[in-house]
Structure formats: structure tokens, C-alpha cells
N, C-alpha and C. Protein backbone atom coordinates (compact mmCIF):
# COMPACT_ATOMS: atom_id res chain seq x y z
N MET A 1 90.30 89.24 79.70
CA MET A 1 89.64 89.72 78.95
C MET A 1 89.62 88.74 77.61
N GLU A 2 88.38 88.57 76.83
CA GLU A 2 88.04 87.84 75.93
C GLU A 2 88.10 89.51 74.47
N VAL A 3 88.50 88.92 73.38
CA VAL A 3 88.53 89.30 72.14
C VAL A 3 87.97 88.71 71.27
N GLU A 4 86.85 88.67 70.38
CA GLU A 4 86.42 87.96 69.37
C GLU A 4 86.84 88.93 68.33
N TYR A 5 87.27 88.46 67.12
CA TYR A 5 87.03 88.83 66.10
C TYR A 5 87.16 88.05 64.74
N GLN A 6 87.03 88.58 63.47
CA GLN A 6 86.63 87.99 61.98
C GLN A 6 87.67 88.54 61.03
N GLU A 7 88.25 87.92 60.71
CA GLU A 7 89.46 87.90 59.43
C GLU A 7 88.28 88.55 58.47
N LYS A 8 88.38 89.79 57.23
CA LYS A 8 87.90 90.01 56.43
C LYS A 8 88.62 90.99 55.52
N THR A 9 88.56 90.77 54.27
CA THR A 9 89.14 91.26 53.69
C THR A 9 88.79 92.95 53.08
N VAL A 10 89.83 93.74 52.62
CA VAL A 10 89.88 95.62 52.68
C VAL A 10 88.27 95.53 51.70
N ALA A 11 88.11 94.90 50.78
CA ALA A 11 86.85 94.83 50.35
C ALA A 11 85.33 94.52 50.81
N ASP A 12 85.35 94.00 51.94
CA ASP A 12 84.70 93.55 52.48
C ASP A 12 84.44 94.26 53.72
N ILE A 13 85.07 94.99 53.77
CA ILE A 13 85.45 95.83 54.92
C ILE A 13 84.57 97.16 54.55
N LYS A 14 84.76 97.68 53.45
CA LYS A 14 84.25 98.61 52.75
C LYS A 14 82.98 98.55 52.35
N ALA A 15 82.91 97.83 51.74
CA ALA A 15 81.55 97.12 51.29
C ALA A 15 80.13 97.66 52.04
N SER A 16 80.82 96.93 53.48
CA SER A 16 79.67 96.97 54.78
C SER A 16 79.83 97.95 55.22
N ALA A 17 78.97 98.90 55.96
CA ALA A 17 79.00 99.61 56.80
C ALA A 17 78.83 99.39 58.41
N VAL A 18 78.56 97.97 58.72
CA VAL A 18 78.45 97.24 59.86
C VAL A 18 79.73 96.93 60.24
N ALA A 19 80.43 96.79 59.10
CA ALA A 19 82.09 96.19 58.86
C ALA A 19 82.85 96.83 59.84
N ARG A 20 83.02 98.06 59.07
CA ARG A 20 83.53 99.42 58.97
C ARG A 20 83.74 99.84 60.45
N PHE A 21 82.54 100.52 61.04
CA PHE A 21 82.34 100.74 62.86
C PHE A 21 81.91 99.77 63.54
N THR A 22 82.34 98.67 63.63
CA THR A 22 82.36 97.39 64.62
C THR A 22 82.48 98.14 66.13
N GLN A 23 81.60 97.54 66.88
CA GLN A 23 81.20 98.23 68.35
C GLN A 23 82.28 97.16 69.08
N VAL A 24 83.19 97.86 69.58
CA VAL A 24 83.79 97.11 71.01
C VAL A 24 83.77 97.09 72.46
N GLU A 25 83.25 96.37 73.06
CA GLU A 25 83.12 96.34 74.44
C GLU A 25 84.49 95.52 75.16
N PHE A 26 84.32 96.25 76.30
CA PHE A 26 84.97 95.65 77.15
C PHE A 26 84.86 95.75 78.51
N ILE A 27 84.66 94.67 79.14
CA ILE A 27 84.13 94.40 80.39
C ILE A 27 84.94 93.38 81.45
N ALA A 28 85.42 94.44 82.43
CA ALA A 28 86.34 94.46 83.32
C ALA A 28 85.79 93.50 84.80
N GLU A 29 85.92 92.45 85.01
CA GLU A 29 85.26 91.44 86.37
C GLU A 29 86.47 91.71 87.54
N ASN A 30 86.15 91.95 88.90
CA ASN A 30 86.75 91.94 89.74
C ASN A 30 86.10 90.83 90.91
N PHE A 31 87.30 89.97 91.13
CA PHE A 31 86.75 88.83 91.88
C PHE A 31 86.50 88.72 93.53
N MET A 32 86.88 89.62 93.96
CA MET A 32 87.05 90.02 95.41
C MET A 32 86.16 91.06 95.54
N ASP A 33 85.04 91.21 96.37
CA ASP A 33 84.38 91.87 97.24
C ASP A 33 84.67 92.68 97.93
N PRO A 34 84.80 94.33 97.31
CA PRO A 34 85.00 95.34 98.30
C PRO A 34 84.19 96.00 99.29
N LYS A 35 83.53 95.03 100.02
CA LYS A 35 83.04 94.93 100.95
C LYS A 35 84.22 94.75 102.41
N GLY A 36 84.92 93.97 101.85
CA GLY A 36 85.85 94.09 103.30
C GLY A 36 86.70 94.66 103.47
N PHE A 37 87.15 95.36 102.37
CA PHE A 37 88.40 96.11 101.69
C PHE A 37 87.73 97.42 102.98
N TRP A 38 86.56 97.70 102.59
CA TRP A 38 86.11 98.94 103.26
C TRP A 38 86.06 98.70 105.21
N SER A 39 85.98 97.67 105.37
CA SER A 39 85.59 97.54 107.08
C SER A 39 86.98 97.10 107.33
N LEU A 40 87.80 96.53 106.80
CA LEU A 40 89.11 96.56 106.93
C LEU A 40 89.65 98.25 107.10
N ALA A 41 89.79 98.78 106.02
CA ALA A 41 90.24 100.08 105.62
C ALA A 41 89.66 101.00 107.15
N THR A 42 88.38 100.87 107.51
CA THR A 42 87.79 101.50 108.70
C THR A 42 87.89 101.35 110.02
N SER A 43 88.59 99.87 110.01
CA SER A 43 88.78 99.54 111.58
C SER A 43 90.66 99.63 111.42
N ALA A 44 91.13 99.65 110.80
CA ALA A 44 92.44 100.43 110.69
C ALA A 44 92.53 101.54 110.61
N PHE A 45 91.69 102.20 110.36
CA PHE A 45 91.83 104.01 110.66
C PHE A 45 91.47 104.25 112.14
N TRP A 46 90.21 103.67 112.74
CA TRP A 46 90.66 104.30 113.94
C TRP A 46 91.39 103.32 114.79
N THR A 47 91.76 102.47 114.45
CA THR A 47 92.89 101.52 115.68
C THR A 47 94.16 102.65 115.30
N LEU A 48 94.73 102.89 114.46
CA LEU A 48 95.55 103.89 114.18
C LEU A 48 95.40 105.46 114.93
N CYS A 49 94.08 105.89 114.94
CA CYS A 49 93.47 106.89 115.81
C CYS A 49 93.37 106.53 117.18
N VAL A 50 93.48 105.72 117.50
CA VAL A 50 93.25 105.24 119.42
C VAL A 50 95.14 104.98 119.15
N ILE A 51 95.91 104.61 118.93
CA ILE A 51 97.42 104.89 119.07
C ILE A 51 98.02 105.85 119.14
N LEU A 52 97.39 106.74 118.23
CA LEU A 52 98.02 108.17 117.94
C LEU A 52 97.42 108.87 118.97
N ALA A 53 96.33 108.58 119.96
CA ALA A 53 95.91 109.25 120.71
C ALA A 53 96.59 108.73 122.20
N LEU A 54 96.90 107.60 122.36
CA LEU A 54 97.44 107.51 123.41
C LEU A 54 99.50 107.62 123.65
N ALA A 55 99.43 107.76 122.35
CA ALA A 55 101.18 108.24 122.17
C ALA A 55 101.54 109.71 122.61
N VAL A 56 100.09 110.34 121.49
CA VAL A 56 100.15 112.34 122.34
C VAL A 56 100.16 111.79 123.60
N CYS A 57 99.39 111.02 124.35
CA CYS A 57 98.93 111.15 125.88
C CYS A 57 100.26 111.03 126.40
N LEU A 58 100.94 110.37 126.00
CA LEU A 58 102.12 109.45 126.43
C LEU A 58 103.21 110.36 126.80
N PHE A 59 103.91 111.22 125.14
CA PHE A 59 104.20 112.67 125.04
C PHE A 59 104.64 113.52 125.92
N VAL A 60 102.82 113.49 125.76
CA VAL A 60 102.55 115.25 126.79
C VAL A 60 103.20 114.75 128.22
N GLY A 61 102.67 113.39 128.74
CA GLY A 61 102.78 112.76 130.18
C GLY A 61 104.41 113.22 130.42
N ILE A 62 105.04 112.40 129.66
CA ILE A 62 106.37 112.34 129.89
C ILE A 62 107.28 114.10 129.66
N SER A 63 106.82 114.88 128.91
CA SER A 63 107.26 116.08 128.29
C SER A 63 107.01 116.92 129.38
N SER A 64 105.78 116.56 130.73
CA SER A 64 105.21 117.55 131.40
C SER A 64 105.94 117.10 132.55
N LYS A 65 106.54 115.88 133.16
CA LYS A 65 107.56 115.87 134.26
C LYS A 65 109.01 115.67 133.45
N ALA A 66 109.08 116.21 132.81
CA ALA A 66 110.93 116.87 132.65
C ALA A 66 111.41 117.74 133.82
N GLU A 67 112.43 117.77 134.18
CA GLU A 67 112.89 118.88 135.29
C GLU A 67 113.09 120.25 133.83
N ARG A 68 112.74 121.03 134.50
CA ARG A 68 113.08 122.26 134.07
C ARG A 68 113.56 123.17 134.97
N LEU A 69 114.11 124.39 134.62
CA LEU A 69 114.19 125.37 135.38
C LEU A 69 112.86 125.55 135.96
N ALA A 70 113.23 126.86 137.20
CA ALA A 70 111.85 127.35 137.69
C ALA A 70 111.05 128.06 137.12
N THR A 71 110.25 127.80 136.58
CA THR A 71 109.23 128.58 136.31
C THR A 71 107.74 128.71 135.81
N ASP A 72 107.32 129.72 135.73
CA ASP A 72 106.17 129.91 135.85
C ASP A 72 104.76 128.75 135.97
N ALA A 73 103.75 127.82 136.51
CA ALA A 73 102.99 127.11 136.18
C ALA A 73 102.15 127.48 134.90
N THR A 74 101.84 128.45 134.89
CA THR A 74 100.89 128.74 133.44
C THR A 74 101.64 128.76 132.15
N ALA A 75 103.56 129.44 132.12
CA ALA A 75 104.01 128.65 131.11
C ALA A 75 104.03 127.52 130.77
N SER A 76 104.39 126.60 132.06
CA SER A 76 104.66 125.41 132.09
C SER A 76 103.68 124.55 131.29
N THR A 77 102.32 124.50 131.56
CA THR A 77 100.62 124.46 130.84
C THR A 77 101.45 124.74 129.44
N GLN A 78 100.61 125.69 129.14
CA GLN A 78 101.06 126.34 127.96
C GLN A 78 102.06 125.63 126.89
N LEU A 79 103.24 124.92 127.48
CA LEU A 79 104.04 124.48 126.86
C LEU A 79 103.66 123.39 126.69
N ALA A 80 103.21 122.80 127.45
CA ALA A 80 102.30 121.17 127.52
C ALA A 80 101.71 120.96 126.07
N ALA A 81 100.67 122.54 126.03
CA ALA A 81 99.62 122.99 125.45
C ALA A 81 100.22 122.32 124.07
N PHE A 82 101.04 123.63 123.75
CA PHE A 82 101.62 123.55 122.50
C PHE A 82 102.70 122.17 121.98
N ARG A 83 103.22 121.96 122.98
CA ARG A 83 104.02 120.47 122.47
C ARG A 83 102.79 119.20 122.07
N GLY A 84 101.77 119.16 122.80
CA GLY A 84 101.05 118.26 122.48
C GLY A 84 99.80 118.60 121.05
N ILE A 85 99.76 119.34 120.88
CA ILE A 85 99.12 120.00 119.31
C ILE A 85 100.34 120.17 118.57
N THR A 86 101.91 119.96 118.54
CA THR A 86 102.47 119.98 117.52
C THR A 86 103.13 118.63 117.37
N THR A 87 102.58 117.74 118.64
CA THR A 87 103.06 116.08 118.11
C THR A 87 102.29 115.63 117.48
N SER A 88 100.89 116.43 118.16
CA SER A 88 99.69 115.58 117.07
C SER A 88 99.59 115.59 115.99
N LEU A 89 99.96 116.93 115.54
CA LEU A 89 99.91 117.01 114.03
C LEU A 89 100.65 116.22 113.72
N SER A 90 101.96 116.35 114.05
CA SER A 90 103.61 115.41 113.61
C SER A 90 102.89 114.22 113.30
N LEU A 91 102.32 113.50 114.67
CA LEU A 91 102.13 112.04 114.78
C LEU A 91 101.18 111.56 113.50
N PHE A 92 99.89 112.31 113.47
CA PHE A 92 98.90 112.22 111.91
C PHE A 92 99.27 112.09 111.26
N SER A 93 99.91 113.01 110.65
CA SER A 93 100.77 112.93 109.29
C SER A 93 101.16 111.93 108.85
N SER A 94 102.34 111.55 109.65
CA SER A 94 103.15 110.60 109.57
C SER A 94 101.89 109.10 109.68
N PHE A 95 101.17 109.13 110.41
CA PHE A 95 100.49 107.89 110.76
C PHE A 95 99.57 108.08 109.40
N PHE A 96 99.09 108.93 108.83
CA PHE A 96 97.79 109.22 107.67
C PHE A 96 98.19 108.72 106.85
N PHE A 97 99.94 109.08 106.71
CA PHE A 97 100.29 109.00 105.05
C PHE A 97 100.77 107.57 105.20
N TRP A 98 101.22 107.04 106.16
CA TRP A 98 101.33 105.28 105.87
C TRP A 98 100.19 104.47 105.99
N TYR A 99 99.30 105.03 106.92
CA TYR A 99 98.01 104.23 106.31
C TYR A 99 97.03 104.39 104.77
N LEU A 100 97.39 105.58 104.45
CA LEU A 100 96.87 106.15 103.05
C LEU A 100 98.03 105.23 102.18
N PHE A 101 99.10 105.38 102.27
CA PHE A 101 100.33 104.17 101.35
C PHE A 101 99.50 102.41 101.82
N ALA A 102 99.57 102.31 102.64
CA ALA A 102 98.74 100.56 102.94
C ALA A 102 97.82 100.73 102.07
N MET A 103 96.56 101.42 102.28
CA MET A 103 95.29 101.02 101.71
C MET A 103 95.54 101.18 100.36
N CYS A 104 96.11 102.05 100.00
CA CYS A 104 95.93 102.19 98.08
C CYS A 104 97.10 100.92 97.76
N SER A 105 97.60 100.67 98.37
CA SER A 105 98.76 99.25 97.65
C SER A 105 97.95 98.28 97.66
N TRP A 106 97.13 97.87 98.70
CA TRP A 106 96.26 96.90 99.21
C TRP A 106 95.18 97.38 97.71
N TRP A 107 94.39 98.27 98.04
CA TRP A 107 92.93 98.12 96.81
C TRP A 107 93.78 97.72 95.14
N PHE A 108 95.21 98.66 95.06
CA PHE A 108 95.47 97.89 93.72
C PHE A 108 96.09 97.08 93.61
N ILE A 109 96.34 96.27 94.48
CA ILE A 109 97.34 94.75 94.36
C ILE A 109 95.72 93.42 94.57
N PHE A 110 94.94 94.05 95.14
CA PHE A 110 93.75 93.05 95.03
C PHE A 110 92.54 93.17 94.21
N TYR A 111 92.36 94.81 93.66
CA TYR A 111 91.46 94.91 93.14
C TYR A 111 91.48 95.48 91.45
N LYS A 112 92.48 95.85 91.41
CA LYS A 112 93.43 96.52 90.18
C LYS A 112 94.29 95.94 89.13
N LEU A 113 94.84 94.30 89.85
CA LEU A 113 96.02 93.67 89.29
C LEU A 113 95.17 92.85 88.52
């Protein structure tokens, strides 16, 4: 940022309307193109979604093979579906929080500092 100013006496400032109400402009310059950031953010998001889907499938598969007391097949299927939904919501919130934290930190460090 560059600030240009001139020293003037109080009498000069009071005498001139232009000097009393000088227009000040600030220009911010970003040196990095944000296009690369958005392509990184998009690919990171979809990669995390794929990892999330694989983790949920793995968890539901392991959970369905666990030994339990003899129960109805319908109850076992409903339990697996319920656990799959709750696990996917839990993992998505964890993944998405850290994804947003990383992307906001990246944006702040490389584009706002």
C-alpha cells in the first residue's frame, strides 16, 4: 500500500475546500489467481466424499457381520440401515468441518495476508 501526502499548514487547509476534503483511495492487490484455489477446493471436496462413502460402506459391512443374538432378518437390516445413516452423518460432519477449516485457512493465508 502506498500513501501519498503533503504537509500543509492549518491556514492552507482551512482556505482551500479541496484540501479540507481530500479523497483517499485504497487499492488491494492479490498476487495469486483464485482459479487454482477453487479447482483445489472442488477436487478436495469430491475426494473427501469418496473417502466418506468408502468408510461408511466398510463400517456397515463390518457391523453387519458382527455376531449378535439370533434376531429377525428384518430387524438386522433395519439396524444396519440406521447405523449406516447415523455413521454417514457423523463422518460427513467431521470431514466437512476439517475441510472447511483447511480451505478457510488456505484462503486466509494465501489470499488475504
